[in-house]
PDB file of all heavy atoms in Angstrom:
ATOM      1  N   ILE A   1     -45.954  26.379  16.828  1.00  0.00           N
ATOM      2  CA  ILE A   1     -46.925  26.341  17.908  1.00  0.00           C
ATOM      3  C   ILE A   1     -46.325  25.957  19.213  1.00  0.00           C
ATOM      4  O   ILE A   1     -46.848  26.246  20.259  1.00  0.00           O
ATOM      5  CB  ILE A   1     -48.119  25.401  17.542  1.00  0.00           C
ATOM      6  CG1 ILE A   1     -47.594  23.981  17.243  1.00  0.00           C
ATOM      7  CG2 ILE A   1     -48.871  25.974  16.342  1.00  0.00           C
ATOM      8  CD1 ILE A   1     -48.706  22.996  16.962  1.00  0.00           C
ATOM      9  N   PHE A   2     -45.229  25.239  19.166  1.00  0.00           N
ATOM     10  CA  PHE A   2     -44.572  24.750  20.391  1.00  0.00           C
ATOM     11  C   PHE A   2     -43.879  25.931  21.109  1.00  0.00           C
ATOM     12  O   PHE A   2     -43.457  25.683  22.264  1.00  0.00           O
ATOM     13  CB  PHE A   2     -43.554  23.669  20.066  1.00  0.00           C
ATOM     14  CG  PHE A   2     -44.205  22.421  19.478  1.00  0.00           C
ATOM     15  CD1 PHE A   2     -43.911  22.113  18.189  1.00  0.00           C
ATOM     16  CD2 PHE A   2     -45.083  21.646  20.201  1.00  0.00           C
ATOM     17  CE1 PHE A   2     -44.499  20.998  17.557  1.00  0.00           C
ATOM     18  CE2 PHE A   2     -45.665  20.531  19.614  1.00  0.00           C
ATOM     19  CZ  PHE A   2     -45.384  20.175  18.255  1.00  0.00           C
ATOM     20  N   SER A   3     -43.764  27.087  20.570  1.00  0.00           N
ATOM     21  CA  SER A   3     -43.176  28.256  21.156  1.00  0.00           C
ATOM     22  C   SER A   3     -44.205  29.113  21.876  1.00  0.00           C
ATOM     23  O   SER A   3     -43.871  30.083  22.488  1.00  0.00           O
ATOM     24  CB  SER A   3     -42.428  29.121  20.158  1.00  0.00           C
ATOM     25  OG  SER A   3     -41.344  28.399  19.562  1.00  0.00           O
ATOM     26  N   ILE A   4     -45.455  28.716  21.892  1.00  0.00           N
ATOM     27  CA  ILE A   4     -46.516  29.519  22.426  1.00  0.00           C
ATOM     28  C   ILE A   4     -46.534  29.295  23.952  1.00  0.00           C
ATOM     29  O   ILE A   4     -46.674  28.157  24.409  1.00  0.00           O
ATOM     30  CB  ILE A   4     -47.890  29.126  21.809  1.00  0.00           C
ATOM     31  CG1 ILE A   4     -47.880  29.446  20.290  1.00  0.00           C
ATOM     32  CG2 ILE A   4     -49.025  29.869  22.494  1.00  0.00           C
ATOM     33  CD1 ILE A   4     -49.124  28.971  19.570  1.00  0.00           C
ATOM     34  N   TYR A   5     -46.521  30.383  24.701  1.00  0.00           N
ATOM     35  CA  TYR A   5     -46.616  30.335  26.152  1.00  0.00           C
ATOM     36  C   TYR A   5     -48.069  30.309  26.612  1.00  0.00           C
ATOM     37  O   TYR A   5     -48.430  29.603  27.538  1.00  0.00           O
ATOM     38  CB  TYR A   5     -45.913  31.519  26.811  1.00  0.00           C
ATOM     39  CG  TYR A   5     -44.433  31.484  26.710  1.00  0.00           C
ATOM     40  CD1 TYR A   5     -43.687  32.610  27.099  1.00  0.00           C
ATOM     41  CD2 TYR A   5     -43.755  30.360  26.249  1.00  0.00           C
ATOM     42  CE1 TYR A   5     -42.300  32.592  27.017  1.00  0.00           C
ATOM     43  CE2 TYR A   5     -42.352  30.351  26.185  1.00  0.00           C
ATOM     44  CZ  TYR A   5     -41.675  31.489  26.622  1.00  0.00           C
ATOM     45  OH  TYR A   5     -40.261  31.479  26.538  1.00  0.00           O
ATOM     46  N   ALA A   6     -48.890  31.106  25.901  1.00  0.00           N
ATOM     47  CA  ALA A   6     -50.262  31.212  26.268  1.00  0.00           C
ATOM     48  C   ALA A   6     -51.072  31.654  25.050  1.00  0.00           C
ATOM     49  O   ALA A   6     -50.553  32.262  24.138  1.00  0.00           O
ATOM     50  CB  ALA A   6     -50.485  32.215  27.436  1.00  0.00           C
ATOM     51  N   MET A   7     -52.322  31.313  25.075  1.00  0.00           N
ATOM     52  CA  MET A   7     -53.238  31.822  24.037  1.00  0.00           C
ATOM     53  C   MET A   7     -54.462  32.493  24.682  1.00  0.00           C
ATOM     54  O   MET A   7     -54.700  32.302  25.859  1.00  0.00           O
ATOM     55  CB  MET A   7     -53.722  30.679  23.149  1.00  0.00           C
ATOM     56  CG  MET A   7     -52.544  29.975  22.420  1.00  0.00           C
ATOM     57  SD  MET A   7     -53.115  28.822  21.150  1.00  0.00           S
ATOM     58  CE  MET A   7     -53.772  29.996  19.945  1.00  0.00           C
ATOM     59  N   GLY A   8     -55.132  33.296  23.934  1.00  0.00           N
ATOM     60  CA  GLY A   8     -56.205  33.978  24.470  1.00  0.00           C
ATOM     61  C   GLY A   8     -57.143  34.578  23.398  1.00  0.00           C
ATOM     62  O   GLY A   8     -56.874  34.496  22.181  1.00  0.00           O
ATOM     63  N   TRP A   9     -58.218  35.141  23.892  1.00  0.00           N
ATOM     64  CA  TRP A   9     -59.176  35.817  23.013  1.00  0.00           C
ATOM     65  C   TRP A   9     -59.302  37.273  23.502  1.00  0.00           C
ATOM     66  O   TRP A   9     -59.423  37.524  24.716  1.00  0.00           O
ATOM     67  CB  TRP A   9     -60.559  35.170  23.114  1.00  0.00           C
ATOM     68  CG  TRP A   9     -60.599  33.855  22.327  1.00  0.00           C
ATOM     69  CD1 TRP A   9     -60.440  32.601  22.851  1.00  0.00           C
ATOM     70  CD2 TRP A   9     -60.869  33.743  20.949  1.00  0.00           C
ATOM     71  NE1 TRP A   9     -60.558  31.629  21.845  1.00  0.00           N
ATOM     72  CE2 TRP A   9     -60.870  32.305  20.688  1.00  0.00           C
ATOM     73  CE3 TRP A   9     -61.185  34.595  19.911  1.00  0.00           C
ATOM     74  CZ2 TRP A   9     -61.092  31.808  19.377  1.00  0.00           C
ATOM     75  CZ3 TRP A   9     -61.423  34.095  18.609  1.00  0.00           C
ATOM     76  CH2 TRP A   9     -61.353  32.695  18.400  1.00  0.00           C
ATOM     77  N   TYR A  10     -59.264  38.150  22.567  1.00  0.00           N
ATOM     78  CA  TYR A  10     -59.449  39.602  22.781  1.00  0.00           C
ATOM     79  C   TYR A  10     -60.640  40.062  21.884  1.00  0.00           C
ATOM     80  O   TYR A  10     -60.946  39.387  20.903  1.00  0.00           O
ATOM     81  CB  TYR A  10     -58.230  40.402  22.495  1.00  0.00           C
ATOM     82  CG  TYR A  10     -57.058  40.098  23.472  1.00  0.00           C
ATOM     83  CD1 TYR A  10     -56.376  38.931  23.412  1.00  0.00           C
ATOM     84  CD2 TYR A  10     -56.665  41.095  24.362  1.00  0.00           C
ATOM     85  CE1 TYR A  10     -55.300  38.661  24.318  1.00  0.00           C
ATOM     86  CE2 TYR A  10     -55.589  40.851  25.261  1.00  0.00           C
ATOM     87  CZ  TYR A  10     -54.994  39.615  25.221  1.00  0.00           C
ATOM     88  OH  TYR A  10     -53.889  39.348  26.057  1.00  0.00           O
ATOM     89  N   ARG A  11     -61.171  41.212  22.203  1.00  0.00           N
ATOM     90  CA  ARG A  11     -62.230  41.739  21.335  1.00  0.00           C
ATOM     91  C   ARG A  11     -62.107  43.240  21.249  1.00  0.00           C
ATOM     92  O   ARG A  11     -61.578  43.887  22.135  1.00  0.00           O
ATOM     93  CB  ARG A  11     -63.610  41.365  21.896  1.00  0.00           C
ATOM     94  CG  ARG A  11     -63.992  41.950  23.211  1.00  0.00           C
ATOM     95  CD  ARG A  11     -65.304  41.362  23.709  1.00  0.00           C
ATOM     96  NE  ARG A  11     -65.719  42.017  24.991  1.00  0.00           N
ATOM     97  CZ  ARG A  11     -66.737  41.592  25.694  1.00  0.00           C
ATOM     98  NH1 ARG A  11     -67.471  40.526  25.250  1.00  0.00           N
ATOM     99  NH2 ARG A  11     -67.070  42.213  26.821  1.00  0.00           N
ATOM    100  N   GLN A  12     -62.646  43.797  20.197  1.00  0.00           N
ATOM    101  CA  GLN A  12     -62.586  45.166  19.951  1.00  0.00           C
ATOM    102  C   GLN A  12     -63.920  45.629  19.286  1.00  0.00           C
ATOM    103  O   GLN A  12     -64.205  45.246  18.213  1.00  0.00           O
ATOM    104  CB  GLN A  12     -61.471  45.632  19.062  1.00  0.00           C
ATOM    105  CG  GLN A  12     -61.274  47.130  18.945  1.00  0.00           C
ATOM    106  CD  GLN A  12     -59.953  47.538  18.280  1.00  0.00           C
ATOM    107  OE1 GLN A  12     -59.326  46.691  17.644  1.00  0.00           O
ATOM    108  NE2 GLN A  12     -59.538  48.761  18.547  1.00  0.00           N
ATOM    109  N   ALA A  13     -64.668  46.483  20.060  1.00  0.00           N
ATOM    110  CA  ALA A  13     -65.863  47.022  19.554  1.00  0.00           C
ATOM    111  C   ALA A  13     -65.598  48.342  18.845  1.00  0.00           C
ATOM    112  O   ALA A  13     -64.563  49.005  19.113  1.00  0.00           O
ATOM    113  CB  ALA A  13     -66.882  47.266  20.678  1.00  0.00           C
ATOM    114  N   PRO A  14     -66.465  48.809  17.937  1.00  0.00           N
ATOM    115  CA  PRO A  14     -66.261  50.044  17.242  1.00  0.00           C
ATOM    116  C   PRO A  14     -66.062  51.200  18.209  1.00  0.00           C
ATOM    117  O   PRO A  14     -66.874  51.391  19.131  1.00  0.00           O
ATOM    118  CB  PRO A  14     -67.501  50.217  16.408  1.00  0.00           C
ATOM    119  CG  PRO A  14     -67.976  48.832  16.151  1.00  0.00           C
ATOM    120  CD  PRO A  14     -67.669  48.074  17.430  1.00  0.00           C
ATOM    121  N   GLY A  15     -65.043  51.995  18.024  1.00  0.00           N
ATOM    122  CA  GLY A  15     -64.754  53.144  18.863  1.00  0.00           C
ATOM    123  C   GLY A  15     -64.167  52.809  20.171  1.00  0.00           C
ATOM    124  O   GLY A  15     -64.023  53.728  21.037  1.00  0.00           O
ATOM    125  N   LYS A  16     -63.846  51.606  20.451  1.00  0.00           N
ATOM    126  CA  LYS A  16     -63.331  51.190  21.731  1.00  0.00           C
ATOM    127  C   LYS A  16     -61.987  50.512  21.548  1.00  0.00           C
ATOM    128  O   LYS A  16     -61.599  50.109  20.484  1.00  0.00           O
ATOM    129  CB  LYS A  16     -64.255  50.254  22.485  1.00  0.00           C
ATOM    130  CG  LYS A  16     -65.646  50.812  22.860  1.00  0.00           C
ATOM    131  CD  LYS A  16     -66.437  49.800  23.604  1.00  0.00           C
ATOM    132  CE  LYS A  16     -67.783  50.405  24.058  1.00  0.00           C
ATOM    133  NZ  LYS A  16     -68.578  49.397  24.802  1.00  0.00           N
ATOM    134  N   GLN A  17     -61.209  50.450  22.665  1.00  0.00           N
ATOM    135  CA  GLN A  17     -59.883  49.781  22.574  1.00  0.00           C
ATOM    136  C   GLN A  17     -60.075  48.306  22.682  1.00  0.00           C
ATOM    137  O   GLN A  17     -61.089  47.742  23.168  1.00  0.00           O
ATOM    138  CB  GLN A  17     -59.046  50.234  23.826  1.00  0.00           C
ATOM    139  CG  GLN A  17     -58.667  51.726  23.776  1.00  0.00           C
ATOM    140  CD  GLN A  17     -57.764  52.128  24.913  1.00  0.00           C
ATOM    141  OE1 GLN A  17     -57.753  51.439  25.921  1.00  0.00           O
ATOM    142  NE2 GLN A  17     -57.065  53.152  24.748  1.00  0.00           N
ATOM    143  N   ARG A  18     -59.074  47.604  22.169  1.00  0.00           N
ATOM    144  CA  ARG A  18     -59.070  46.183  22.262  1.00  0.00           C
ATOM    145  C   ARG A  18     -58.932  45.779  23.721  1.00  0.00           C
ATOM    146  O   ARG A  18     -58.163  46.280  24.467  1.00  0.00           O
ATOM    147  CB  ARG A  18     -57.943  45.539  21.410  1.00  0.00           C
ATOM    148  CG  ARG A  18     -57.969  44.071  21.321  1.00  0.00           C
ATOM    149  CD  ARG A  18     -56.835  43.543  20.415  1.00  0.00           C
ATOM    150  NE  ARG A  18     -57.036  44.041  19.050  1.00  0.00           N
ATOM    151  CZ  ARG A  18     -56.254  43.687  18.010  1.00  0.00           C
ATOM    152  NH1 ARG A  18     -55.259  42.843  18.222  1.00  0.00           N
ATOM    153  NH2 ARG A  18     -56.458  44.209  16.810  1.00  0.00           N
ATOM    154  N   GLU A  19     -59.712  44.755  24.151  1.00  0.00           N
ATOM    155  CA  GLU A  19     -59.686  44.358  25.514  1.00  0.00           C
ATOM    156  C   GLU A  19     -59.552  42.805  25.581  1.00  0.00           C
ATOM    157  O   GLU A  19     -60.010  42.106  24.727  1.00  0.00           O
ATOM    158  CB  GLU A  19     -60.965  44.786  26.257  1.00  0.00           C
ATOM    159  CG  GLU A  19     -62.227  44.188  25.698  1.00  0.00           C
ATOM    160  CD  GLU A  19     -63.482  44.627  26.539  1.00  0.00           C
ATOM    161  OE1 GLU A  19     -63.297  45.283  27.553  1.00  0.00           O
ATOM    162  OE2 GLU A  19     -64.615  44.245  26.078  1.00  0.00           O
ATOM    163  N   LEU A  20     -58.974  42.412  26.702  1.00  0.00           N
ATOM    164  CA  LEU A  20     -58.874  40.976  26.944  1.00  0.00           C
ATOM    165  C   LEU A  20     -60.176  40.413  27.304  1.00  0.00           C
ATOM    166  O   LEU A  20     -61.006  40.965  28.100  1.00  0.00           O
ATOM    167  CB  LEU A  20     -57.869  40.747  28.122  1.00  0.00           C
ATOM    168  CG  LEU A  20     -57.580  39.285  28.521  1.00  0.00           C
ATOM    169  CD1 LEU A  20     -56.154  39.152  28.997  1.00  0.00           C
ATOM    170  CD2 LEU A  20     -58.537  38.866  29.606  1.00  0.00           C
ATOM    171  N   VAL A  21     -60.478  39.195  26.727  1.00  0.00           N
ATOM    172  CA  VAL A  21     -61.663  38.453  27.066  1.00  0.00           C
ATOM    173  C   VAL A  21     -61.310  37.274  27.928  1.00  0.00           C
ATOM    174  O   VAL A  21     -61.875  37.102  29.053  1.00  0.00           O
ATOM    175  CB  VAL A  21     -62.387  37.982  25.787  1.00  0.00           C
ATOM    176  CG1 VAL A  21     -63.596  37.108  26.157  1.00  0.00           C
ATOM    177  CG2 VAL A  21     -62.830  39.133  24.936  1.00  0.00           C
ATOM    178  N   ALA A  22     -60.353  36.474  27.535  1.00  0.00           N
ATOM    179  CA  ALA A  22     -59.950  35.311  28.308  1.00  0.00           C
ATOM    180  C   ALA A  22     -58.612  34.814  27.790  1.00  0.00           C
ATOM    181  O   ALA A  22     -58.271  34.959  26.621  1.00  0.00           O
ATOM    182  CB  ALA A  22     -60.955  34.183  28.147  1.00  0.00           C
ATOM    183  N   THR A  23     -57.783  34.272  28.715  1.00  0.00           N
ATOM    184  CA  THR A  23     -56.522  33.713  28.351  1.00  0.00           C
ATOM    185  C   THR A  23     -56.388  32.360  28.986  1.00  0.00           C
ATOM    186  O   THR A  23     -57.004  32.033  29.998  1.00  0.00           O
ATOM    187  CB  THR A  23     -55.336  34.551  28.799  1.00  0.00           C
ATOM    188  OG1 THR A  23     -55.387  34.710  30.243  1.00  0.00           O
ATOM    189  CG2 THR A  23     -55.376  35.929  28.115  1.00  0.00           C
ATOM    190  N   ILE A  24     -55.573  31.511  28.339  1.00  0.00           N
ATOM    191  CA  ILE A  24     -55.294  30.184  28.901  1.00  0.00           C
ATOM    192  C   ILE A  24     -53.827  29.852  28.639  1.00  0.00           C
ATOM    193  O   ILE A  24     -53.313  29.619  27.549  1.00  0.00           O
ATOM    194  CB  ILE A  24     -56.179  29.103  28.216  1.00  0.00           C
ATOM    195  CG1 ILE A  24     -55.941  27.687  28.830  1.00  0.00           C
ATOM    196  CG2 ILE A  24     -56.066  29.095  26.706  1.00  0.00           C
ATOM    197  CD1 ILE A  24     -57.034  26.671  28.484  1.00  0.00           C
ATOM    198  N   PRO A  25     -52.986  29.950  29.723  1.00  0.00           N
ATOM    199  CA  PRO A  25     -51.554  29.659  29.616  1.00  0.00           C
ATOM    200  C   PRO A  25     -51.328  28.200  29.388  1.00  0.00           C
ATOM    201  O   PRO A  25     -52.251  27.373  29.398  1.00  0.00           O
ATOM    202  CB  PRO A  25     -51.013  30.061  31.016  1.00  0.00           C
ATOM    203  CG  PRO A  25     -52.052  30.959  31.562  1.00  0.00           C
ATOM    204  CD  PRO A  25     -53.375  30.434  31.062  1.00  0.00           C
ATOM    205  N   SER A  26     -50.078  27.828  29.133  1.00  0.00           N
ATOM    206  CA  SER A  26     -49.702  26.443  28.891  1.00  0.00           C
ATOM    207  C   SER A  26     -50.073  25.510  30.013  1.00  0.00           C
ATOM    208  O   SER A  26     -50.328  24.336  29.811  1.00  0.00           O
ATOM    209  CB  SER A  26     -48.198  26.336  28.561  1.00  0.00           C
ATOM    210  OG  SER A  26     -47.440  26.792  29.622  1.00  0.00           O
ATOM    211  N   GLY A  27     -50.052  26.064  31.240  1.00  0.00           N
ATOM    212  CA  GLY A  27     -50.431  25.237  32.394  1.00  0.00           C
ATOM    213  C   GLY A  27     -51.879  24.946  32.528  1.00  0.00           C
ATOM    214  O   GLY A  27     -52.295  24.156  33.379  1.00  0.00           O
ATOM    215  N   GLY A  28     -52.708  25.597  31.695  1.00  0.00           N
ATOM    216  CA  GLY A  28     -54.163  25.345  31.714  1.00  0.00           C
ATOM    217  C   GLY A  28     -54.950  26.262  32.586  1.00  0.00           C
ATOM    218  O   GLY A  28     -56.181  26.152  32.619  1.00  0.00           O
ATOM    219  N   ARG A  29     -54.321  27.108  33.400  1.00  0.00           N
ATOM    220  CA  ARG A  29     -55.126  27.993  34.245  1.00  0.00           C
ATOM    221  C   ARG A  29     -55.649  29.135  33.379  1.00  0.00           C
ATOM    222  O   ARG A  29     -54.997  29.639  32.485  1.00  0.00           O
ATOM    223  CB  ARG A  29     -54.193  28.591  35.353  1.00  0.00           C
ATOM    224  CG  ARG A  29     -53.539  27.464  36.192  1.00  0.00           C
ATOM    225  CD  ARG A  29     -52.561  28.084  37.215  1.00  0.00           C
ATOM    226  NE  ARG A  29     -53.282  28.693  38.321  1.00  0.00           N
ATOM    227  CZ  ARG A  29     -52.634  29.256  39.371  1.00  0.00           C
ATOM    228  NH1 ARG A  29     -51.351  29.267  39.411  1.00  0.00           N
ATOM    229  NH2 ARG A  29     -53.387  29.800  40.347  1.00  0.00           N
ATOM    230  N   THR A  30     -56.875  29.558  33.686  1.00  0.00           N
ATOM    231  CA  THR A  30     -57.587  30.503  32.881  1.00  0.00           C
ATOM    232  C   THR A  30     -57.781  31.799  33.571  1.00  0.00           C
ATOM    233  O   THR A  30     -57.756  31.878  34.796  1.00  0.00           O
ATOM    234  CB  THR A  30     -58.928  29.945  32.445  1.00  0.00           C
ATOM    235  OG1 THR A  30     -59.712  29.551  33.598  1.00  0.00           O
ATOM    236  CG2 THR A  30     -58.738  28.675  31.609  1.00  0.00           C
ATOM    237  N   ASN A  31     -57.958  32.854  32.776  1.00  0.00           N
ATOM    238  CA  ASN A  31     -58.197  34.194  33.264  1.00  0.00           C
ATOM    239  C   ASN A  31     -59.293  34.827  32.413  1.00  0.00           C
ATOM    240  O   ASN A  31     -59.249  34.700  31.168  1.00  0.00           O
ATOM    241  CB  ASN A  31     -56.946  35.039  33.204  1.00  0.00           C
ATOM    242  CG  ASN A  31     -57.151  36.442  33.760  1.00  0.00           C
ATOM    243  OD1 ASN A  31     -57.705  36.621  34.839  1.00  0.00           O
ATOM    244  ND2 ASN A  31     -56.740  37.449  32.971  1.00  0.00           N
ATOM    245  N   TYR A  32     -60.253  35.456  33.027  1.00  0.00           N
ATOM    246  CA  TYR A  32     -61.387  36.031  32.299  1.00  0.00           C
ATOM    247  C   TYR A  32     -61.584  37.455  32.658  1.00  0.00           C
ATOM    248  O   TYR A  32     -61.325  37.917  33.861  1.00  0.00           O
ATOM    249  CB  TYR A  32     -62.669  35.278  32.639  1.00  0.00           C
ATOM    250  CG  TYR A  32     -62.670  33.828  32.181  1.00  0.00           C
ATOM    251  CD1 TYR A  32     -62.304  32.847  32.973  1.00  0.00           C
ATOM    252  CD2 TYR A  32     -63.090  33.517  30.901  1.00  0.00           C
ATOM    253  CE1 TYR A  32     -62.292  31.506  32.599  1.00  0.00           C
ATOM    254  CE2 TYR A  32     -63.117  32.169  30.465  1.00  0.00           C
ATOM    255  CZ  TYR A  32     -62.721  31.180  31.328  1.00  0.00           C
ATOM    256  OH  TYR A  32     -62.721  29.897  30.937  1.00  0.00           O
ATOM    257  N   ALA A  33     -62.063  38.286  31.740  1.00  0.00           N
ATOM    258  CA  ALA A  33     -62.502  39.589  32.038  1.00  0.00           C
ATOM    259  C   ALA A  33     -63.708  39.536  32.931  1.00  0.00           C
ATOM    260  O   ALA A  33     -64.573  38.632  32.796  1.00  0.00           O
ATOM    261  CB  ALA A  33     -62.805  40.362  30.792  1.00  0.00           C
ATOM    262  N   ASP A  34     -63.883  40.473  33.863  1.00  0.00           N
ATOM    263  CA  ASP A  34     -65.028  40.455  34.756  1.00  0.00           C
ATOM    264  C   ASP A  34     -66.340  40.495  34.001  1.00  0.00           C
ATOM    265  O   ASP A  34     -67.379  39.869  34.429  1.00  0.00           O
ATOM    266  CB  ASP A  34     -64.956  41.628  35.735  1.00  0.00           C
ATOM    267  CG  ASP A  34     -63.887  41.537  36.738  1.00  0.00           C
ATOM    268  OD1 ASP A  34     -63.415  40.403  36.977  1.00  0.00           O
ATOM    269  OD2 ASP A  34     -63.479  42.562  37.346  1.00  0.00           O
ATOM    270  N   SER A  35     -66.365  41.132  32.836  1.00  0.00           N
ATOM    271  CA  SER A  35     -67.606  41.274  32.077  1.00  0.00           C
ATOM    272  C   SER A  35     -68.095  39.994  31.492  1.00  0.00           C
ATOM    273  O   SER A  35     -69.299  39.888  31.119  1.00  0.00           O
ATOM    274  CB  SER A  35     -67.432  42.351  30.994  1.00  0.00           C
ATOM    275  OG  SER A  35     -66.389  41.982  30.125  1.00  0.00           O
ATOM    276  N   VAL A  36     -67.240  39.007  31.366  1.00  0.00           N
ATOM    277  CA  VAL A  36     -67.639  37.731  30.766  1.00  0.00           C
ATOM    278  C   VAL A  36     -67.532  36.581  31.690  1.00  0.00           C
ATOM    279  O   VAL A  36     -67.990  35.448  31.350  1.00  0.00           O
ATOM    280  CB  VAL A  36     -66.771  37.415  29.511  1.00  0.00           C
ATOM    281  CG1 VAL A  36     -66.848  38.593  28.539  1.00  0.00           C
ATOM    282  CG2 VAL A  36     -65.351  37.085  29.873  1.00  0.00           C
ATOM    283  N   LYS A  37     -67.000  36.746  32.855  1.00  0.00           N
ATOM    284  CA  LYS A  37     -66.791  35.675  33.836  1.00  0.00           C
ATOM    285  C   LYS A  37     -68.127  35.038  34.216  1.00  0.00           C
ATOM    286  O   LYS A  37     -69.130  35.744  34.501  1.00  0.00           O
ATOM    287  CB  LYS A  37     -66.083  36.206  35.083  1.00  0.00           C
ATOM    288  CG  LYS A  37     -65.455  35.086  35.894  1.00  0.00           C
ATOM    289  CD  LYS A  37     -64.528  35.684  36.930  1.00  0.00           C
ATOM    290  CE  LYS A  37     -63.729  34.573  37.657  1.00  0.00           C
ATOM    291  NZ  LYS A  37     -62.755  35.161  38.644  1.00  0.00           N
ATOM    292  N   GLY A  38     -68.194  33.700  34.117  1.00  0.00           N
ATOM    293  CA  GLY A  38     -69.398  33.019  34.384  1.00  0.00           C
ATOM    294  C   GLY A  38     -70.218  32.720  33.147  1.00  0.00           C
ATOM    295  O   GLY A  38     -71.141  31.939  33.169  1.00  0.00           O
ATOM    296  N   ARG A  39     -69.978  33.466  32.095  1.00  0.00           N
ATOM    297  CA  ARG A  39     -70.682  33.275  30.808  1.00  0.00           C
ATOM    298  C   ARG A  39     -69.830  32.707  29.694  1.00  0.00           C
ATOM    299  O   ARG A  39     -70.342  31.876  28.884  1.00  0.00           O
ATOM    300  CB  ARG A  39     -71.251  34.635  30.304  1.00  0.00           C
ATOM    301  CG  ARG A  39     -72.178  35.287  31.304  1.00  0.00           C
ATOM    302  CD  ARG A  39     -72.853  36.539  30.621  1.00  0.00           C
ATOM    303  NE  ARG A  39     -71.889  37.537  30.321  1.00  0.00           N
ATOM    304  CZ  ARG A  39     -71.654  37.990  29.070  1.00  0.00           C
ATOM    305  NH1 ARG A  39     -72.355  37.544  28.082  1.00  0.00           N
ATOM    306  NH2 ARG A  39     -70.745  38.968  28.852  1.00  0.00           N
ATOM    307  N   PHE A  40     -68.542  32.974  29.695  1.00  0.00           N
ATOM    308  CA  PHE A  40     -67.619  32.528  28.664  1.00  0.00           C
ATOM    309  C   PHE A  40     -66.723  31.471  29.218  1.00  0.00           C
ATOM    310  O   PHE A  40     -66.315  31.534  30.397  1.00  0.00           O
ATOM    311  CB  PHE A  40     -66.792  33.676  28.053  1.00  0.00           C
ATOM    312  CG  PHE A  40     -67.582  34.698  27.221  1.00  0.00           C
ATOM    313  CD1 PHE A  40     -68.956  34.635  27.183  1.00  0.00           C
ATOM    314  CD2 PHE A  40     -66.841  35.612  26.496  1.00  0.00           C
ATOM    315  CE1 PHE A  40     -69.600  35.570  26.455  1.00  0.00           C
ATOM    316  CE2 PHE A  40     -67.580  36.549  25.750  1.00  0.00           C
ATOM    317  CZ  PHE A  40     -68.939  36.556  25.770  1.00  0.00           C
ATOM    318  N   THR A  41     -66.284  30.516  28.411  1.00  0.00           N
ATOM    319  CA  THR A  41     -65.344  29.477  28.807  1.00  0.00           C
ATOM    320  C   THR A  41     -64.333  29.324  27.694  1.00  0.00           C
ATOM    321  O   THR A  41     -64.645  29.092  26.555  1.00  0.00           O
ATOM    322  CB  THR A  41     -66.036  28.173  29.079  1.00  0.00           C
ATOM    323  OG1 THR A  41     -67.025  28.325  30.071  1.00  0.00           O
ATOM    324  CG2 THR A  41     -64.998  27.126  29.537  1.00  0.00           C
ATOM    325  N   ILE A  42     -63.010  29.461  28.070  1.00  0.00           N
ATOM    326  CA  ILE A  42     -61.978  29.226  27.121  1.00  0.00           C
ATOM    327  C   ILE A  42     -61.393  27.824  27.374  1.00  0.00           C
ATOM    328  O   ILE A  42     -61.273  27.394  28.525  1.00  0.00           O
ATOM    329  CB  ILE A  42     -60.839  30.283  27.221  1.00  0.00           C
ATOM    330  CG1 ILE A  42     -59.807  30.130  26.136  1.00  0.00           C
ATOM    331  CG2 ILE A  42     -60.190  30.227  28.633  1.00  0.00           C
ATOM    332  CD1 ILE A  42     -58.854  31.310  26.052  1.00  0.00           C
ATOM    333  N   SER A  43     -61.048  27.164  26.258  1.00  0.00           N
ATOM    334  CA  SER A  43     -60.571  25.803  26.410  1.00  0.00           C
ATOM    335  C   SER A  43     -59.614  25.468  25.273  1.00  0.00           C
ATOM    336  O   SER A  43     -59.630  26.131  24.265  1.00  0.00           O
ATOM    337  CB  SER A  43     -61.743  24.774  26.449  1.00  0.00           C
ATOM    338  OG  SER A  43     -62.474  24.866  25.225  1.00  0.00           O
ATOM    339  N   ARG A  44     -58.823  24.442  25.474  1.00  0.00           N
ATOM    340  CA  ARG A  44     -57.875  23.937  24.493  1.00  0.00           C
ATOM    341  C   ARG A  44     -58.411  22.629  23.957  1.00  0.00           C
ATOM    342  O   ARG A  44     -58.890  21.744  24.693  1.00  0.00           O
ATOM    343  CB  ARG A  44     -56.506  23.756  25.089  1.00  0.00           C
ATOM    344  CG  ARG A  44     -55.834  25.016  25.565  1.00  0.00           C
ATOM    345  CD  ARG A  44     -54.625  24.673  26.411  1.00  0.00           C
ATOM    346  NE  ARG A  44     -53.543  24.053  25.549  1.00  0.00           N
ATOM    347  CZ  ARG A  44     -52.579  24.730  24.957  1.00  0.00           C
ATOM    348  NH1 ARG A  44     -52.470  26.037  25.089  1.00  0.00           N
ATOM    349  NH2 ARG A  44     -51.695  24.069  24.200  1.00  0.00           N
ATOM    350  N   ASP A  45     -58.264  22.453  22.645  1.00  0.00           N
ATOM    351  CA  ASP A  45     -58.605  21.212  21.984  1.00  0.00           C
ATOM    352  C   ASP A  45     -57.314  20.723  21.287  1.00  0.00           C
ATOM    353  O   ASP A  45     -57.088  21.053  20.127  1.00  0.00           O
ATOM    354  CB  ASP A  45     -59.728  21.428  21.000  1.00  0.00           C
ATOM    355  CG  ASP A  45     -60.266  20.130  20.480  1.00  0.00           C
ATOM    356  OD1 ASP A  45     -59.592  19.085  20.522  1.00  0.00           O
ATOM    357  OD2 ASP A  45     -61.411  20.115  19.990  1.00  0.00           O
ATOM    358  N   ASN A  46     -56.514  19.986  22.024  1.00  0.00           N
ATOM    359  CA  ASN A  46     -55.200  19.543  21.513  1.00  0.00           C
ATOM    360  C   ASN A  46     -55.230  18.699  20.269  1.00  0.00           C
ATOM    361  O   ASN A  46     -54.400  18.900  19.384  1.00  0.00           O
ATOM    362  CB  ASN A  46     -54.420  18.860  22.626  1.00  0.00           C
ATOM    363  CG  ASN A  46     -54.013  19.795  23.775  1.00  0.00           C
ATOM    364  OD1 ASN A  46     -53.717  20.991  23.491  1.00  0.00           O
ATOM    365  ND2 ASN A  46     -53.974  19.287  25.004  1.00  0.00           N
ATOM    366  N   PRO A  47     -56.138  17.697  20.160  1.00  0.00           N
ATOM    367  CA  PRO A  47     -56.166  16.906  18.967  1.00  0.00           C
ATOM    368  C   PRO A  47     -56.339  17.738  17.663  1.00  0.00           C
ATOM    369  O   PRO A  47     -55.754  17.423  16.607  1.00  0.00           O
ATOM    370  CB  PRO A  47     -57.359  15.987  19.163  1.00  0.00           C
ATOM    371  CG  PRO A  47     -57.435  15.848  20.633  1.00  0.00           C
ATOM    372  CD  PRO A  47     -57.071  17.234  21.130  1.00  0.00           C
TER     373      PRO A  47
END
């Protein structure tokens, strides 16, 4: 796990390509797909 640069969530609906939902790099800055921005929140739970 210490080799991980970033983690994220992706999703794939039937008949569609896999798409990014949200990512959270090691620095803690987040990125969201426009379709979920304001509704979804990605977070780290280190313990």
